[in-house]
Amino acid sequence: MRIIARRTLREFYAAHADAKSALEAWFHEATAAKWAGPQDIKQRYPSADILPGNRVVFNIKGNTYRLIIRIHYNTGIVFTRFVGTHADYDKIDASSI
């Protein structure tokens, strides 16, 4: 998959250094993945939440942080929509971000 906005991940872990290894691990796994649909994501990440609009919520670093992406399965492009703390996540509408 091609990940758009890696800079968003880098900026986040610049402020939250404890998230760096988990976000980098996710990035490298996602880059190597060939997700054809939500079932492929759930197979690898059972705790991921599949949302409407091809959005997926990942628990990062033992559910300390949340990552929301939007996927265009047909083109293999993943857009980073949100990365933040649980408190930040609770303030947004994950299905529309």
C-alpha atoms as a PDB file:
ATOM      1  CA  MET A   1       0.000   0.000   0.000  1.00  0.00           C
ATOM      2  CA  ARG A   2       1.081   3.560  -0.548  1.00  0.00           C
ATOM      3  CA  ILE A   3       0.758   5.656   2.598  1.00  0.00           C
ATOM      4  CA  ILE A   4      -0.057   9.328   2.150  1.00  0.00           C
ATOM      5  CA  ALA A   5       0.936  11.795   4.857  1.00  0.00           C
ATOM      6  CA  ARG A   6       3.704   9.933   6.644  1.00  0.00           C
ATOM      7  CA  ARG A   7       4.671  13.387   7.816  1.00  0.00           C
ATOM      8  CA  THR A   8       1.550  13.383  10.001  1.00  0.00           C
ATOM      9  CA  LEU A   9       2.874  10.296  11.785  1.00  0.00           C
ATOM     10  CA  ARG A  10       6.328  11.822  12.179  1.00  0.00           C
ATOM     11  CA  GLU A  11       4.958  15.071  13.578  1.00  0.00           C
ATOM     12  CA  PHE A  12       2.860  13.129  16.060  1.00  0.00           C
ATOM     13  CA  TYR A  13       5.692  11.003  17.374  1.00  0.00           C
ATOM     14  CA  ALA A  14       7.953  14.033  17.544  1.00  0.00           C
ATOM     15  CA  ALA A  15       5.552  15.234  20.245  1.00  0.00           C
ATOM     16  CA  HIS A  16       4.823  11.745  21.655  1.00  0.00           C
ATOM     17  CA  ALA A  17       8.138   9.894  21.502  1.00  0.00           C
ATOM     18  CA  ASP A  18       6.701   6.734  23.045  1.00  0.00           C
ATOM     19  CA  ALA A  19       4.520   6.268  19.932  1.00  0.00           C
ATOM     20  CA  LYS A  20       7.431   6.278  17.476  1.00  0.00           C
ATOM     21  CA  SER A  21       8.259   2.568  17.348  1.00  0.00           C
ATOM     22  CA  ALA A  22       4.590   1.519  17.183  1.00  0.00           C
ATOM     23  CA  LEU A  23       3.741   4.004  14.411  1.00  0.00           C
ATOM     24  CA  GLU A  24       6.863   3.139  12.429  1.00  0.00           C
ATOM     25  CA  ALA A  25       6.075  -0.581  12.759  1.00  0.00           C
ATOM     26  CA  TRP A  26       2.512   0.041  11.543  1.00  0.00           C
ATOM     27  CA  PHE A  27       3.807   2.154   8.644  1.00  0.00           C
ATOM     28  CA  HIS A  28       6.217  -0.543   7.446  1.00  0.00           C
ATOM     29  CA  GLU A  29       3.624  -3.302   7.772  1.00  0.00           C
ATOM     30  CA  ALA A  30       1.017  -1.242   5.932  1.00  0.00           C
ATOM     31  CA  THR A  31       3.469  -0.329   3.176  1.00  0.00           C
ATOM     32  CA  ALA A  32       4.212  -4.013   2.584  1.00  0.00           C
ATOM     33  CA  ALA A  33       0.535  -5.041   2.775  1.00  0.00           C
ATOM     34  CA  LYS A  34      -1.803  -5.729  -0.130  1.00  0.00           C
ATOM     35  CA  TRP A  35      -5.198  -5.015   1.422  1.00  0.00           C
ATOM     36  CA  ALA A  36      -7.976  -5.868  -1.026  1.00  0.00           C
ATOM     37  CA  GLY A  37     -10.730  -5.216   1.495  1.00  0.00           C
ATOM     38  CA  PRO A  38     -11.582  -4.823   5.167  1.00  0.00           C
ATOM     39  CA  GLN A  39     -11.342  -8.569   5.753  1.00  0.00           C
ATOM     40  CA  ASP A  40      -7.607  -8.435   4.962  1.00  0.00           C
ATOM     41  CA  ILE A  41      -7.092  -5.779   7.626  1.00  0.00           C
ATOM     42  CA  LYS A  42      -9.150  -7.638  10.234  1.00  0.00           C
ATOM     43  CA  GLN A  43      -7.153 -10.794   9.573  1.00  0.00           C
ATOM     44  CA  ARG A  44      -3.898  -9.048  10.521  1.00  0.00           C
ATOM     45  CA  TYR A  45      -5.338  -6.544  13.030  1.00  0.00           C
ATOM     46  CA  PRO A  46      -8.332  -8.153  14.789  1.00  0.00           C
ATOM     47  CA  SER A  47      -8.777  -5.152  17.103  1.00  0.00           C
ATOM     48  CA  ALA A  48      -9.051  -2.684  14.193  1.00  0.00           C
ATOM     49  CA  ASP A  49     -12.452  -1.055  13.808  1.00  0.00           C
ATOM     50  CA  ILE A  50     -13.875  -0.899  10.300  1.00  0.00           C
ATOM     51  CA  LEU A  51     -15.944   2.247   9.773  1.00  0.00           C
ATOM     52  CA  PRO A  52     -18.120   3.490   6.909  1.00  0.00           C
ATOM     53  CA  GLY A  53     -16.393   5.265   4.050  1.00  0.00           C
ATOM     54  CA  ASN A  54     -13.442   2.847   3.935  1.00  0.00           C
ATOM     55  CA  ARG A  55     -12.098   4.177   7.214  1.00  0.00           C
ATOM     56  CA  VAL A  56     -10.241   2.033   9.714  1.00  0.00           C
ATOM     57  CA  VAL A  57      -9.294   2.786  13.321  1.00  0.00           C
ATOM     58  CA  PHE A  58      -6.119   1.152  14.621  1.00  0.00           C
ATOM     59  CA  ASN A  59      -5.110   0.915  18.269  1.00  0.00           C
ATOM     60  CA  ILE A  60      -1.511   2.050  18.558  1.00  0.00           C
ATOM     61  CA  LYS A  61       0.851   1.195  21.416  1.00  0.00           C
ATOM     62  CA  GLY A  62      -1.533  -0.940  23.400  1.00  0.00           C
ATOM     63  CA  ASN A  63      -4.508   1.326  22.721  1.00  0.00           C
ATOM     64  CA  THR A  64      -2.722   4.382  24.113  1.00  0.00           C
ATOM     65  CA  TYR A  65      -3.122   6.131  20.760  1.00  0.00           C
ATOM     66  CA  ARG A  66      -5.517   5.884  17.846  1.00  0.00           C
ATOM     67  CA  LEU A  67      -4.807   6.044  14.128  1.00  0.00           C
ATOM     68  CA  ILE A  68      -7.554   6.570  11.566  1.00  0.00           C
ATOM     69  CA  ILE A  69      -6.914   5.920   7.910  1.00  0.00           C
ATOM     70  CA  ARG A  70      -9.044   6.001   4.794  1.00  0.00           C
ATOM     71  CA  ILE A  71      -8.272   3.422   2.140  1.00  0.00           C
ATOM     72  CA  HIS A  72      -8.846   3.374  -1.587  1.00  0.00           C
ATOM     73  CA  TYR A  73      -8.621  -0.370  -2.018  1.00  0.00           C
ATOM     74  CA  ASN A  74      -8.699  -0.282  -5.817  1.00  0.00           C
ATOM     75  CA  THR A  75      -5.663   2.012  -6.062  1.00  0.00           C
ATOM     76  CA  GLY A  76      -3.814   0.769  -2.970  1.00  0.00           C
ATOM     77  CA  ILE A  77      -3.602   4.233  -1.433  1.00  0.00           C
ATOM     78  CA  VAL A  78      -3.950   4.814   2.314  1.00  0.00           C
ATOM     79  CA  PHE A  79      -4.652   8.321   3.576  1.00  0.00           C
ATOM     80  CA  THR A  80      -3.760   9.186   7.161  1.00  0.00           C
ATOM     81  CA  ARG A  81      -6.798  11.018   8.529  1.00  0.00           C
ATOM     82  CA  PHE A  82      -6.032  11.240  12.253  1.00  0.00           C
ATOM     83  CA  VAL A  83      -3.479  10.203  14.833  1.00  0.00           C
ATOM     84  CA  GLY A  84      -3.917  11.162  18.449  1.00  0.00           C
ATOM     85  CA  THR A  85      -4.416  10.243  22.039  1.00  0.00           C
ATOM     86  CA  HIS A  86      -7.519   8.494  23.271  1.00  0.00           C
ATOM     87  CA  ALA A  87      -8.752  11.819  24.683  1.00  0.00           C
ATOM     88  CA  ASP A  88      -8.272  13.498  21.284  1.00  0.00           C
ATOM     89  CA  TYR A  89     -10.049  10.602  19.580  1.00  0.00           C
ATOM     90  CA  ASP A  90     -13.049  10.974  21.875  1.00  0.00           C
ATOM     91  CA  LYS A  91     -13.497  14.573  20.644  1.00  0.00           C
ATOM     92  CA  ILE A  92     -13.833  13.724  16.944  1.00  0.00           C
ATOM     93  CA  ASP A  93     -16.297  11.914  14.710  1.00  0.00           C
ATOM     94  CA  ALA A  94     -14.170   9.052  13.413  1.00  0.00           C
ATOM     95  CA  SER A  95     -16.641   8.175  10.667  1.00  0.00           C
ATOM     96  CA  SER A  96     -16.383  11.573   9.006  1.00  0.00           C
ATOM     97  CA  ILE A  97     -12.830  12.782   9.624  1.00  0.00           C
END
